[in-house]
Protein backbone atom coordinates (compact mmCIF):
# COMPACT_ATOMS: atom_id res chain seq x y z
CA MET A 1 0.10 0.15 0.17
CA LEU A 2 1.35 3.29 -0.78
CA LYS A 3 1.93 6.54 1.42
CA LYS A 4 0.95 9.45 0.06
CA ARG A 5 2.93 12.64 1.56
CA SER A 6 1.93 16.22 0.25
CA VAL A 7 4.46 19.18 0.08
CA MET A 8 4.98 22.50 -1.47
CA LEU A 9 7.45 22.50 -4.20
CA SER A 10 8.11 25.45 -6.39
CA GLY A 11 5.01 27.09 -5.15
CA HIS A 12 2.81 24.11 -5.61
CA ALA A 13 1.02 22.03 -4.02
CA THR A 14 1.64 18.36 -4.88
CA SER A 15 1.85 15.17 -3.33
CA VAL A 16 4.10 11.92 -3.57
CA ALA A 17 2.73 8.10 -2.97
CA LEU A 18 5.56 5.84 -2.37
CA GLU A 19 5.81 2.66 -0.50
CA PRO A 20 6.57 2.81 3.30
CA GLU A 21 9.94 1.10 3.01
CA PHE A 22 10.87 3.75 0.53
CA TRP A 23 10.13 6.71 2.83
CA VAL A 24 11.90 5.08 5.95
CA ILE A 25 15.33 5.04 3.37
CA LEU A 26 14.30 9.02 2.68
CA ASP A 27 13.61 9.67 6.20
CA ARG A 28 17.06 8.62 6.72
CA ILE A 29 18.67 10.60 3.85
CA ALA A 30 17.10 13.54 5.12
CA ASP A 31 18.23 12.99 8.78
CA ALA A 32 21.39 12.24 7.67
CA ARG A 33 21.71 15.57 5.70
CA GLY A 34 19.87 18.00 8.14
CA LEU A 35 16.78 18.38 6.22
CA SER A 36 12.93 17.88 6.64
CA HIS A 37 11.42 15.56 4.34
CA ALA A 38 9.74 18.23 2.35
CA GLY A 39 13.62 19.73 1.76
CA LEU A 40 13.97 16.21 0.70
CA LEU A 41 12.10 16.15 -1.79
CA ALA A 42 12.58 19.97 -2.97
CA TRP A 43 16.05 18.97 -3.20
CA VAL A 44 15.49 15.90 -5.31
CA ASP A 45 12.92 18.01 -7.47
CA GLU A 46 15.34 20.60 -8.52
CA THR A 47 18.06 17.61 -9.32
CA ARG A 48 15.49 15.20 -10.98
CA GLY A 49 15.55 16.65 -14.17
CA ARG A 50 12.71 15.24 -16.59
CA GLN A 51 12.05 12.45 -14.33
CA PRO A 52 8.63 11.54 -12.48
CA LEU A 53 9.31 12.75 -9.07
CA ALA A 54 8.47 9.57 -7.57
CA SER A 55 10.72 7.66 -9.79
CA ALA A 56 13.28 9.73 -8.73
CA CYS A 57 12.98 9.57 -4.67
CA ARG A 58 12.65 5.59 -5.50
CA LEU A 59 15.91 5.83 -7.33
CA LEU A 60 17.59 7.93 -4.91
CA ALA A 61 16.04 5.38 -2.13
CA LEU A 62 17.57 2.15 -4.28
CA GLU A 63 21.23 4.25 -4.47
CA GLN A 64 20.96 4.66 -1.17
CA ALA A 65 20.23 1.53 0.01
CA GLY A 66 22.80 -0.20 -2.11
CA ARG A 67 25.66 2.01 -0.13
CA PRO A 68 27.66 0.32 2.91
CA ASP A 69 26.93 1.83 6.17
CA ASP A 70 29.84 4.04 7.09
């Protein structure tokens, strides 16, 4: 089941629906970077190019999950 989070990006309200497992990883990334989940989503939005936001979030989470713990 997808979990939806709402956020303001570039002055527009939007929402992102991801599986809870992805949100866990994204929350860890945000914590490590000192960002809120909205701040992390804003960064993803700014750097994703033409990729859909949800896809960019999933790829970031998978990239992070594939890295060994420091």
